Every structure is written in structure tokens, then in C-alpha cells.
Amino acid sequence: MKSLSLTQPWATLVAIGAKKIETRSFQRNYRGPLAIHAAKGYGKGGARAHKELCGTEPFCSVLNAALERWYSERRDLRDMAEHPFMPFGAIVAVCDLVDCVRITGLPALIEHGRGHTPVGMWRLLPDEPELSFGDYSPGRCAWLLGNIRALPEPVPAKGALGLWDLDAATLAAVEGQL
């Protein structure tokens, strides 16, 4: 199974079904099952930027709603780095990469024409909060995710840049939870 590493909180946003489009600077021809890996590090800006982002809207509302629904608790999301709801260095969900399309035009539109969508079809960018969860600048690509399933327990994994293959032991642990 292919996997994609995302920094937090984006990996958790996919796992809870709030983020169904991953925006990247590149396209891939791959379509099919995709494991979502929460990277080991915080990414650009480090822990401070991560904590500030989790405390801003719409991140705070969306993550807190999921936290309340799943764990019957509410907390200051700037402290989420220490909470198991937002793990690091683990597979957190499995989904299907349905399509990968270029973002074009001003205002930016997602251009369909590859994969499962007929050539020449267009659609506007997503509504909030999804719009805040990605970079929809013209020239970037929208990776459309479907059939998202959060894992009951995160599966530790090393991760890598780009699309990468799960090793046999990690794949078995992921499949054991589906």
C-alpha cells in the first residue's frame, strides 16, 4: 500500500474526515488505497507554529468537535502535541486517492480531466473549513481523497517524502485494524 506523510494537524484532519483534499505542488498518476502517515516532526515553524495553528479557526473548532465526539472532552488545542488524538510518527488513517487535478484560473478552480472525471469539467474550490486546510494557489494540485477510515489505534511508522510503500509488518498492522 502507498502512504503519504502529512504534518499535524493535517494528518488528523484527514483521519477525522474534515480534510478530503490534500494540496501539493506536484501531481501523481497513482490512484488507489493510500495510508495517511502523521510525520514525526512539526514541519515548518516548529512546535510554536503548530500550537498557534491548532488554536486558530477553523482548526480549533473542527478538531475540538472531533475530540468531543470521540473522547467526550474539550481542551486548549495549543496543547494537542501532547495528546494521543494527534499522534506523530504513525499511520492514522487509510483512504483512496481518487484523483489528482491541477488548480487553475483566477479565482482558482480545480480543473478536472484525468482519472474519474470527464475532460472539460470544472468545479469551484471547496467551501470552508476545507478551503482553510489547503493551499489552492493556481498551479498547485488537489489530491482528492475518498473512503477515509481512521484507524482505531495509530500504527508507528518511520515515514518518507512523497508517496512511499508501507513495509510488510506495518501493512499487516494497518490491515488488522480495518
N, C-alpha and C. Protein backbone atom coordinates (compact mmCIF):
# COMPACT_ATOMS: atom_id res chain seq x y z
N MET A 1 0.85 -1.18 0.00
CA MET A 1 0.00 0.00 0.00
C MET A 1 0.89 1.24 0.00
N LYS A 2 0.52 2.23 -0.78
CA LYS A 2 1.22 3.51 -0.81
C LYS A 2 0.83 4.30 0.44
N SER A 3 1.73 5.19 0.85
CA SER A 3 1.48 6.04 2.00
C SER A 3 1.95 7.46 1.70
N LEU A 4 1.34 8.41 2.39
CA LEU A 4 1.68 9.82 2.26
C LEU A 4 1.84 10.41 3.65
N SER A 5 2.97 11.04 3.91
CA SER A 5 3.21 11.68 5.21
C SER A 5 2.69 13.11 5.19
N LEU A 6 1.95 13.46 6.22
CA LEU A 6 1.45 14.82 6.42
C LEU A 6 1.86 15.26 7.82
N THR A 7 2.19 16.52 7.97
CA THR A 7 2.45 17.02 9.31
C THR A 7 1.11 17.23 10.02
N GLN A 8 1.19 17.37 11.32
CA GLN A 8 -0.01 17.65 12.10
C GLN A 8 -0.30 19.14 12.06
N PRO A 9 -1.51 19.59 12.07
CA PRO A 9 -2.73 18.83 12.33
C PRO A 9 -3.38 18.23 11.08
N TRP A 10 -2.73 18.38 9.91
CA TRP A 10 -3.37 17.93 8.66
C TRP A 10 -3.63 16.43 8.62
N ALA A 11 -2.73 15.61 9.18
CA ALA A 11 -2.96 14.16 9.19
C ALA A 11 -4.22 13.83 10.00
N THR A 12 -4.38 14.45 11.15
CA THR A 12 -5.58 14.20 11.96
C THR A 12 -6.82 14.75 11.28
N LEU A 13 -6.72 15.88 10.60
CA LEU A 13 -7.88 16.42 9.88
C LEU A 13 -8.35 15.44 8.80
N VAL A 14 -7.42 14.76 8.13
CA VAL A 14 -7.83 13.72 7.17
C VAL A 14 -8.49 12.57 7.92
N ALA A 15 -7.86 12.11 8.99
CA ALA A 15 -8.38 10.96 9.73
C ALA A 15 -9.80 11.18 10.24
N ILE A 16 -10.14 12.40 10.63
CA ILE A 16 -11.48 12.66 11.16
C ILE A 16 -12.47 13.02 10.05
N GLY A 17 -11.99 13.02 8.80
CA GLY A 17 -12.87 13.28 7.66
C GLY A 17 -13.13 14.75 7.37
N ALA A 18 -12.42 15.66 8.05
CA ALA A 18 -12.61 17.09 7.83
C ALA A 18 -11.82 17.60 6.63
N LYS A 19 -10.78 16.89 6.25
CA LYS A 19 -9.93 17.26 5.12
C LYS A 19 -10.00 16.15 4.09
N LYS A 20 -10.62 16.45 2.96
CA LYS A 20 -10.79 15.45 1.90
C LYS A 20 -10.00 15.79 0.65
N ILE A 21 -9.26 16.91 0.70
CA ILE A 21 -8.41 17.33 -0.40
C ILE A 21 -7.05 17.70 0.17
N GLU A 22 -6.02 17.04 -0.31
CA GLU A 22 -4.65 17.38 0.06
C GLU A 22 -4.06 18.18 -1.10
N THR A 23 -3.53 19.35 -0.83
CA THR A 23 -2.94 20.15 -1.89
C THR A 23 -1.42 19.99 -1.87
N ARG A 24 -0.88 19.80 -3.06
CA ARG A 24 0.55 19.58 -3.23
C ARG A 24 1.05 20.39 -4.42
N SER A 25 2.36 20.51 -4.55
CA SER A 25 2.93 21.22 -5.68
C SER A 25 3.10 20.32 -6.90
N PHE A 26 2.78 19.04 -6.76
CA PHE A 26 3.01 18.09 -7.84
C PHE A 26 1.84 17.13 -7.99
N GLN A 27 1.72 16.55 -9.21
CA GLN A 27 0.70 15.54 -9.50
C GLN A 27 1.35 14.16 -9.45
N ARG A 28 0.53 13.16 -9.28
CA ARG A 28 0.95 11.76 -9.37
C ARG A 28 -0.08 11.01 -10.19
N ASN A 29 0.36 9.98 -10.89
CA ASN A 29 -0.56 9.15 -11.68
C ASN A 29 -1.22 8.08 -10.82
N TYR A 30 -0.68 7.83 -9.64
CA TYR A 30 -1.21 6.78 -8.78
C TYR A 30 -2.65 7.08 -8.36
N ARG A 31 -3.51 6.07 -8.40
CA ARG A 31 -4.86 6.12 -7.85
C ARG A 31 -5.06 4.82 -7.10
N GLY A 32 -5.70 4.87 -5.95
CA GLY A 32 -5.96 3.66 -5.19
C GLY A 32 -5.77 3.87 -3.71
N PRO A 33 -5.63 2.76 -2.95
CA PRO A 33 -5.51 2.83 -1.50
C PRO A 33 -4.30 3.67 -1.08
N LEU A 34 -4.50 4.44 -0.01
CA LEU A 34 -3.44 5.33 0.47
C LEU A 34 -3.51 5.40 1.99
N ALA A 35 -2.40 5.09 2.63
CA ALA A 35 -2.29 5.24 4.09
C ALA A 35 -1.87 6.67 4.38
N ILE A 36 -2.47 7.27 5.39
CA ILE A 36 -2.11 8.63 5.83
C ILE A 36 -1.21 8.52 7.05
N HIS A 37 -0.01 9.03 6.91
CA HIS A 37 1.01 8.96 7.95
C HIS A 37 1.18 10.34 8.58
N ALA A 38 1.13 10.40 9.90
CA ALA A 38 1.43 11.63 10.63
C ALA A 38 2.94 11.70 10.81
N ALA A 39 3.56 12.70 10.22
CA ALA A 39 5.02 12.84 10.28
C ALA A 39 5.51 12.93 11.72
N LYS A 40 6.78 12.60 11.92
CA LYS A 40 7.36 12.64 13.26
C LYS A 40 7.59 14.04 13.77
N GLY A 41 7.80 14.99 12.86
CA GLY A 41 8.11 16.36 13.26
C GLY A 41 6.95 17.30 13.04
N TYR A 42 7.16 18.54 13.46
CA TYR A 42 6.14 19.57 13.36
C TYR A 42 6.08 20.24 11.99
N GLY A 43 7.13 20.17 11.23
CA GLY A 43 7.15 20.85 9.94
C GLY A 43 7.56 22.30 10.10
N LYS A 44 7.22 23.10 9.08
CA LYS A 44 7.63 24.50 9.02
C LYS A 44 7.16 25.27 10.25
N GLY A 45 8.08 25.95 10.90
CA GLY A 45 7.72 26.78 12.04
C GLY A 45 7.87 26.09 13.39
N GLY A 46 8.00 24.77 13.40
CA GLY A 46 8.21 24.04 14.63
C GLY A 46 7.01 23.97 15.56
N ALA A 47 7.27 23.61 16.81
CA ALA A 47 6.22 23.38 17.80
C ALA A 47 5.40 24.64 18.06
N ARG A 48 6.03 25.79 18.10
CA ARG A 48 5.31 27.03 18.39
C ARG A 48 4.26 27.31 17.31
N ALA A 49 4.65 27.20 16.03
CA ALA A 49 3.71 27.45 14.93
C ALA A 49 2.58 26.42 14.94
N HIS A 50 2.92 25.17 15.27
CA HIS A 50 1.92 24.10 15.35
C HIS A 50 0.87 24.43 16.42
N LYS A 51 1.33 24.84 17.58
CA LYS A 51 0.41 25.16 18.68
C LYS A 51 -0.45 26.37 18.34
N GLU A 52 0.13 27.38 17.71
CA GLU A 52 -0.65 28.56 17.32
C GLU A 52 -1.71 28.19 16.29
N LEU A 53 -1.34 27.38 15.31
CA LEU A 53 -2.28 26.97 14.27
C LEU A 53 -3.47 26.21 14.88
N CYS A 54 -3.19 25.28 15.78
CA CYS A 54 -4.27 24.49 16.39
C CYS A 54 -5.20 25.35 17.24
N GLY A 55 -4.74 26.52 17.67
CA GLY A 55 -5.56 27.41 18.47
C GLY A 55 -6.34 28.43 17.64
N THR A 56 -6.18 28.40 16.30
CA THR A 56 -6.89 29.34 15.43
C THR A 56 -8.05 28.65 14.72
N GLU A 57 -8.95 29.48 14.21
CA GLU A 57 -10.09 28.95 13.45
C GLU A 57 -9.72 28.78 11.99
N PRO A 58 -10.27 27.79 11.31
CA PRO A 58 -11.28 26.83 11.75
C PRO A 58 -10.69 25.58 12.39
N PHE A 59 -9.35 25.52 12.52
CA PHE A 59 -8.70 24.33 13.08
C PHE A 59 -9.23 24.00 14.47
N CYS A 60 -9.30 25.00 15.35
CA CYS A 60 -9.73 24.79 16.72
C CYS A 60 -11.12 24.19 16.80
N SER A 61 -12.09 24.77 16.10
CA SER A 61 -13.48 24.28 16.15
C SER A 61 -13.60 22.86 15.60
N VAL A 62 -12.98 22.60 14.46
CA VAL A 62 -13.10 21.29 13.82
C VAL A 62 -12.45 20.21 14.67
N LEU A 63 -11.25 20.48 15.16
CA LEU A 63 -10.55 19.48 15.98
C LEU A 63 -11.25 19.27 17.31
N ASN A 64 -11.73 20.34 17.93
CA ASN A 64 -12.43 20.20 19.21
C ASN A 64 -13.74 19.44 19.05
N ALA A 65 -14.46 19.66 17.96
CA ALA A 65 -15.71 18.91 17.73
C ALA A 65 -15.42 17.41 17.62
N ALA A 66 -14.35 17.06 16.91
CA ALA A 66 -13.99 15.65 16.79
C ALA A 66 -13.52 15.09 18.14
N LEU A 67 -12.77 15.87 18.87
CA LEU A 67 -12.27 15.44 20.18
C LEU A 67 -13.44 15.17 21.13
N GLU A 68 -14.41 16.05 21.14
CA GLU A 68 -15.59 15.87 21.99
C GLU A 68 -16.40 14.64 21.56
N ARG A 69 -16.54 14.47 20.25
CA ARG A 69 -17.33 13.35 19.73
C ARG A 69 -16.67 12.01 20.06
N TRP A 70 -15.35 11.95 19.96
CA TRP A 70 -14.67 10.67 20.14
C TRP A 70 -14.22 10.42 21.56
N TYR A 71 -13.88 11.48 22.29
CA TYR A 71 -13.29 11.30 23.61
C TYR A 71 -14.08 11.95 24.73
N SER A 72 -15.19 12.63 24.43
CA SER A 72 -16.01 13.32 25.42
C SER A 72 -15.18 14.28 26.26
N GLU A 73 -14.28 15.00 25.60
CA GLU A 73 -13.50 16.01 26.31
C GLU A 73 -13.26 17.21 25.41
N ARG A 74 -12.94 18.32 26.02
CA ARG A 74 -12.61 19.54 25.29
C ARG A 74 -11.38 20.13 25.99
N ARG A 75 -10.47 20.70 25.21
CA ARG A 75 -9.27 21.26 25.81
C ARG A 75 -8.68 22.34 24.93
N ASP A 76 -7.69 23.03 25.45
CA ASP A 76 -6.98 24.04 24.69
C ASP A 76 -6.13 23.30 23.66
N LEU A 77 -6.46 23.49 22.40
CA LEU A 77 -5.79 22.73 21.35
C LEU A 77 -4.35 23.15 21.11
N ARG A 78 -3.91 24.20 21.75
CA ARG A 78 -2.50 24.54 21.64
C ARG A 78 -1.65 23.50 22.37
N ASP A 79 -2.28 22.66 23.18
CA ASP A 79 -1.56 21.60 23.89
C ASP A 79 -1.75 20.24 23.22
N MET A 80 -2.26 20.21 22.00
CA MET A 80 -2.55 18.94 21.34
C MET A 80 -1.30 18.12 21.04
N ALA A 81 -0.13 18.74 21.01
CA ALA A 81 1.09 17.99 20.72
C ALA A 81 1.31 16.88 21.75
N GLU A 82 0.75 17.03 22.94
CA GLU A 82 0.91 16.02 23.98
C GLU A 82 -0.28 15.07 24.06
N HIS A 83 -1.24 15.18 23.15
CA HIS A 83 -2.47 14.39 23.23
C HIS A 83 -2.46 13.26 22.21
N PRO A 84 -2.88 12.04 22.58
CA PRO A 84 -2.87 10.92 21.63
C PRO A 84 -3.83 11.10 20.45
N PHE A 85 -4.75 12.05 20.55
CA PHE A 85 -5.67 12.34 19.45
C PHE A 85 -4.90 12.84 18.22
N MET A 86 -3.73 13.43 18.43
CA MET A 86 -2.92 13.96 17.35
C MET A 86 -1.51 13.36 17.43
N PRO A 87 -1.37 12.09 17.02
CA PRO A 87 -0.08 11.41 17.16
C PRO A 87 0.95 11.88 16.12
N PHE A 88 2.18 11.56 16.38
CA PHE A 88 3.29 11.83 15.47
C PHE A 88 3.98 10.50 15.15
N GLY A 89 4.49 10.35 13.92
CA GLY A 89 5.25 9.16 13.55
C GLY A 89 4.41 7.91 13.47
N ALA A 90 3.19 8.01 12.91
CA ALA A 90 2.30 6.85 12.86
C ALA A 90 1.30 6.96 11.71
N ILE A 91 0.84 5.80 11.24
CA ILE A 91 -0.26 5.75 10.28
C ILE A 91 -1.54 6.00 11.08
N VAL A 92 -2.34 6.97 10.65
CA VAL A 92 -3.55 7.34 11.40
C VAL A 92 -4.84 7.04 10.65
N ALA A 93 -4.75 6.83 9.32
CA ALA A 93 -5.96 6.59 8.52
C ALA A 93 -5.59 5.90 7.21
N VAL A 94 -6.60 5.36 6.58
CA VAL A 94 -6.48 4.79 5.23
C VAL A 94 -7.60 5.40 4.41
N CYS A 95 -7.30 5.71 3.15
CA CYS A 95 -8.30 6.29 2.25
C CYS A 95 -8.00 5.82 0.83
N ASP A 96 -8.74 6.35 -0.12
CA ASP A 96 -8.46 6.11 -1.54
C ASP A 96 -8.06 7.43 -2.17
N LEU A 97 -6.96 7.43 -2.91
CA LEU A 97 -6.62 8.59 -3.72
C LEU A 97 -7.44 8.46 -4.99
N VAL A 98 -8.49 9.27 -5.09
CA VAL A 98 -9.48 9.17 -6.16
C VAL A 98 -9.01 9.87 -7.42
N ASP A 99 -8.39 11.04 -7.28
CA ASP A 99 -7.94 11.79 -8.44
C ASP A 99 -6.90 12.80 -7.99
N CYS A 100 -6.15 13.32 -8.94
CA CYS A 100 -5.14 14.33 -8.69
C CYS A 100 -5.26 15.33 -9.83
N VAL A 101 -5.69 16.54 -9.51
CA VAL A 101 -6.02 17.52 -10.54
C VAL A 101 -5.32 18.85 -10.31
N ARG A 102 -5.04 19.56 -11.40
CA ARG A 102 -4.36 20.85 -11.35
C ARG A 102 -5.34 21.95 -10.94
N ILE A 103 -4.90 22.89 -10.14
CA ILE A 103 -5.69 24.04 -9.74
C ILE A 103 -5.33 25.17 -10.70
N THR A 104 -6.33 25.72 -11.37
CA THR A 104 -6.08 26.75 -12.38
C THR A 104 -7.02 27.92 -12.22
N GLY A 105 -6.73 29.03 -12.90
CA GLY A 105 -7.65 30.14 -13.02
C GLY A 105 -7.65 31.09 -11.84
N LEU A 106 -8.23 32.25 -12.08
CA LEU A 106 -8.44 33.25 -11.05
C LEU A 106 -9.88 33.73 -11.14
N PRO A 107 -10.76 33.53 -10.17
CA PRO A 107 -10.41 32.82 -8.95
C PRO A 107 -10.06 31.37 -9.25
N ALA A 108 -9.26 30.81 -8.39
CA ALA A 108 -8.75 29.46 -8.64
C ALA A 108 -9.88 28.45 -8.76
N LEU A 109 -9.75 27.58 -9.70
CA LEU A 109 -10.69 26.48 -9.93
C LEU A 109 -9.90 25.19 -9.96
N ILE A 110 -10.57 24.11 -9.68
CA ILE A 110 -9.94 22.80 -9.82
C ILE A 110 -10.34 22.28 -11.19
N GLU A 111 -9.36 22.04 -12.05
CA GLU A 111 -9.63 21.55 -13.39
C GLU A 111 -9.65 20.03 -13.38
N HIS A 112 -10.77 19.47 -13.82
CA HIS A 112 -10.87 18.03 -13.93
C HIS A 112 -10.54 17.63 -15.36
N GLY A 113 -10.23 16.41 -15.57
CA GLY A 113 -9.95 15.95 -16.91
C GLY A 113 -9.12 14.69 -16.91
N ARG A 114 -8.73 14.23 -15.75
CA ARG A 114 -7.97 13.00 -15.64
C ARG A 114 -8.69 12.09 -14.66
N GLY A 115 -8.39 10.87 -14.70
CA GLY A 115 -8.96 9.94 -13.73
C GLY A 115 -10.44 9.71 -13.95
N HIS A 116 -11.23 9.99 -12.93
CA HIS A 116 -12.65 9.63 -12.92
C HIS A 116 -13.57 10.75 -13.39
N THR A 117 -13.02 11.86 -13.84
CA THR A 117 -13.86 13.00 -14.18
C THR A 117 -13.70 13.34 -15.66
N PRO A 118 -14.78 13.59 -16.38
CA PRO A 118 -14.68 13.88 -17.81
C PRO A 118 -13.85 15.13 -18.10
N VAL A 119 -13.17 15.13 -19.24
CA VAL A 119 -12.39 16.27 -19.68
C VAL A 119 -13.29 17.49 -19.82
N GLY A 120 -12.79 18.65 -19.41
CA GLY A 120 -13.54 19.89 -19.58
C GLY A 120 -14.45 20.25 -18.43
N MET A 121 -14.60 19.38 -17.44
CA MET A 121 -15.46 19.71 -16.30
C MET A 121 -14.66 20.56 -15.31
N TRP A 122 -15.32 21.51 -14.71
CA TRP A 122 -14.70 22.38 -13.72
C TRP A 122 -15.57 22.41 -12.47
N ARG A 123 -14.98 22.72 -11.37
CA ARG A 123 -15.77 22.99 -10.18
C ARG A 123 -15.03 24.02 -9.35
N LEU A 124 -15.79 24.78 -8.61
CA LEU A 124 -15.19 25.79 -7.75
C LEU A 124 -14.45 25.13 -6.60
N LEU A 125 -13.62 25.90 -5.97
CA LEU A 125 -12.89 25.42 -4.80
C LEU A 125 -13.85 25.01 -3.70
N PRO A 126 -13.39 24.21 -2.76
CA PRO A 126 -14.27 23.77 -1.67
C PRO A 126 -14.66 24.93 -0.75
N ASP A 127 -15.72 24.71 -0.01
CA ASP A 127 -16.17 25.67 0.99
C ASP A 127 -15.31 25.55 2.24
N GLU A 128 -15.51 26.47 3.16
CA GLU A 128 -14.86 26.39 4.47
C GLU A 128 -15.50 25.25 5.26
N PRO A 129 -14.82 24.57 6.11
CA PRO A 129 -13.45 24.85 6.51
C PRO A 129 -12.39 24.20 5.61
N GLU A 130 -12.81 23.32 4.68
CA GLU A 130 -11.85 22.64 3.80
C GLU A 130 -10.91 23.62 3.11
N LEU A 131 -11.41 24.74 2.68
CA LEU A 131 -10.59 25.72 1.97
C LEU A 131 -9.40 26.18 2.82
N SER A 132 -9.59 26.33 4.11
CA SER A 132 -8.51 26.77 5.01
C SER A 132 -7.48 25.67 5.27
N PHE A 133 -7.81 24.44 4.93
CA PHE A 133 -6.91 23.33 5.22
C PHE A 133 -5.94 23.03 4.08
N GLY A 134 -5.92 23.86 3.01
CA GLY A 134 -5.01 23.61 1.90
C GLY A 134 -4.56 24.90 1.24
N ASP A 135 -3.61 24.78 0.32
CA ASP A 135 -3.11 25.90 -0.46
C ASP A 135 -3.63 25.72 -1.88
N TYR A 136 -4.65 26.48 -2.23
CA TYR A 136 -5.32 26.36 -3.53
C TYR A 136 -4.81 27.38 -4.54
N SER A 137 -3.55 27.74 -4.44
CA SER A 137 -2.96 28.67 -5.40
C SER A 137 -2.94 28.04 -6.79
N PRO A 138 -3.20 28.86 -7.85
CA PRO A 138 -3.12 28.33 -9.21
C PRO A 138 -1.76 27.69 -9.48
N GLY A 139 -1.80 26.53 -10.15
CA GLY A 139 -0.59 25.79 -10.46
C GLY A 139 -0.34 24.63 -9.51
N ARG A 140 -0.95 24.67 -8.32
CA ARG A 140 -0.80 23.56 -7.39
C ARG A 140 -1.75 22.44 -7.78
N CYS A 141 -1.71 21.33 -7.08
CA CYS A 141 -2.55 20.17 -7.40
C CYS A 141 -3.40 19.78 -6.21
N ALA A 142 -4.62 19.36 -6.50
CA ALA A 142 -5.56 18.89 -5.48
C ALA A 142 -5.63 17.38 -5.56
N TRP A 143 -5.25 16.72 -4.49
CA TRP A 143 -5.34 15.26 -4.40
C TRP A 143 -6.68 14.97 -3.72
N LEU A 144 -7.61 14.39 -4.45
CA LEU A 144 -8.96 14.14 -3.94
C LEU A 144 -9.00 12.80 -3.23
N LEU A 145 -9.37 12.83 -1.94
CA LEU A 145 -9.38 11.64 -1.09
C LEU A 145 -10.81 11.18 -0.85
N GLY A 146 -11.03 9.89 -0.90
CA GLY A 146 -12.35 9.32 -0.64
C GLY A 146 -12.24 8.11 0.26
N ASN A 147 -13.38 7.64 0.76
CA ASN A 147 -13.44 6.42 1.58
C ASN A 147 -12.44 6.49 2.74
N ILE A 148 -12.44 7.60 3.46
CA ILE A 148 -11.49 7.81 4.55
C ILE A 148 -11.92 7.02 5.78
N ARG A 149 -10.98 6.26 6.34
CA ARG A 149 -11.24 5.45 7.53
C ARG A 149 -10.12 5.68 8.54
N ALA A 150 -10.47 6.25 9.68
CA ALA A 150 -9.48 6.44 10.75
C ALA A 150 -9.15 5.10 11.37
N LEU A 151 -7.90 4.90 11.73
CA LEU A 151 -7.52 3.69 12.45
C LEU A 151 -7.88 3.85 13.93
N PRO A 152 -8.39 2.81 14.56
CA PRO A 152 -8.71 2.90 15.99
C PRO A 152 -7.48 3.23 16.84
N GLU A 153 -6.32 2.71 16.43
CA GLU A 153 -5.06 2.96 17.12
C GLU A 153 -4.00 3.31 16.08
N PRO A 154 -3.22 4.38 16.30
CA PRO A 154 -2.15 4.72 15.36
C PRO A 154 -1.12 3.59 15.27
N VAL A 155 -0.60 3.37 14.06
CA VAL A 155 0.42 2.34 13.84
C VAL A 155 1.75 3.05 13.62
N PRO A 156 2.71 2.86 14.53
CA PRO A 156 4.01 3.53 14.38
C PRO A 156 4.65 3.20 13.03
N ALA A 157 5.21 4.23 12.39
CA ALA A 157 5.89 4.05 11.10
C ALA A 157 6.87 5.19 10.92
N LYS A 158 7.95 4.92 10.20
CA LYS A 158 9.01 5.91 10.03
C LYS A 158 8.62 7.06 9.10
N GLY A 159 7.98 6.79 7.98
CA GLY A 159 7.58 7.83 7.04
C GLY A 159 8.67 8.18 6.05
N ALA A 160 8.31 8.96 5.04
CA ALA A 160 9.24 9.39 3.99
C ALA A 160 8.59 10.53 3.21
N LEU A 161 9.37 11.16 2.35
CA LEU A 161 8.85 12.21 1.48
C LEU A 161 8.16 11.58 0.28
N GLY A 162 7.19 12.28 -0.30
CA GLY A 162 6.48 11.79 -1.48
C GLY A 162 5.62 10.58 -1.15
N LEU A 163 5.22 9.84 -2.17
CA LEU A 163 4.49 8.59 -1.96
C LEU A 163 5.50 7.49 -1.66
N TRP A 164 5.23 6.68 -0.67
CA TRP A 164 6.14 5.61 -0.30
C TRP A 164 5.35 4.38 0.07
N ASP A 165 6.00 3.22 0.02
CA ASP A 165 5.35 1.94 0.29
C ASP A 165 5.49 1.55 1.76
N LEU A 166 4.40 1.07 2.34
CA LEU A 166 4.46 0.53 3.69
C LEU A 166 5.23 -0.77 3.68
N ASP A 167 6.04 -1.01 4.70
CA ASP A 167 6.70 -2.31 4.81
C ASP A 167 5.67 -3.36 5.22
N ALA A 168 6.02 -4.62 5.09
CA ALA A 168 5.07 -5.73 5.31
C ALA A 168 4.50 -5.73 6.72
N ALA A 169 5.33 -5.49 7.73
CA ALA A 169 4.85 -5.53 9.12
C ALA A 169 3.87 -4.38 9.39
N THR A 170 4.18 -3.18 8.90
CA THR A 170 3.29 -2.04 9.11
C THR A 170 1.99 -2.25 8.36
N LEU A 171 2.08 -2.75 7.13
CA LEU A 171 0.88 -3.03 6.34
C LEU A 171 -0.02 -4.03 7.06
N ALA A 172 0.57 -5.08 7.63
CA ALA A 172 -0.22 -6.08 8.36
C ALA A 172 -0.90 -5.46 9.57
N ALA A 173 -0.20 -4.57 10.28
CA ALA A 173 -0.78 -3.92 11.45
C ALA A 173 -1.92 -3.00 11.05
N VAL A 174 -1.76 -2.29 9.94
CA VAL A 174 -2.83 -1.41 9.44
C VAL A 174 -4.03 -2.24 9.02
N GLU A 175 -3.80 -3.25 8.19
CA GLU A 175 -4.90 -4.09 7.70
C GLU A 175 -5.63 -4.81 8.83
N GLY A 176 -4.93 -5.10 9.92
CA GLY A 176 -5.54 -5.74 11.08
C GLY A 176 -6.57 -4.86 11.78
N GLN A 177 -6.51 -3.55 11.53
CA GLN A 177 -7.45 -2.62 12.15
C GLN A 177 -8.61 -2.23 11.23
N LEU A 178 -8.55 -2.65 9.98
CA LEU A 178 -9.61 -2.26 9.04
C LEU A 178 -10.77 -3.23 9.06
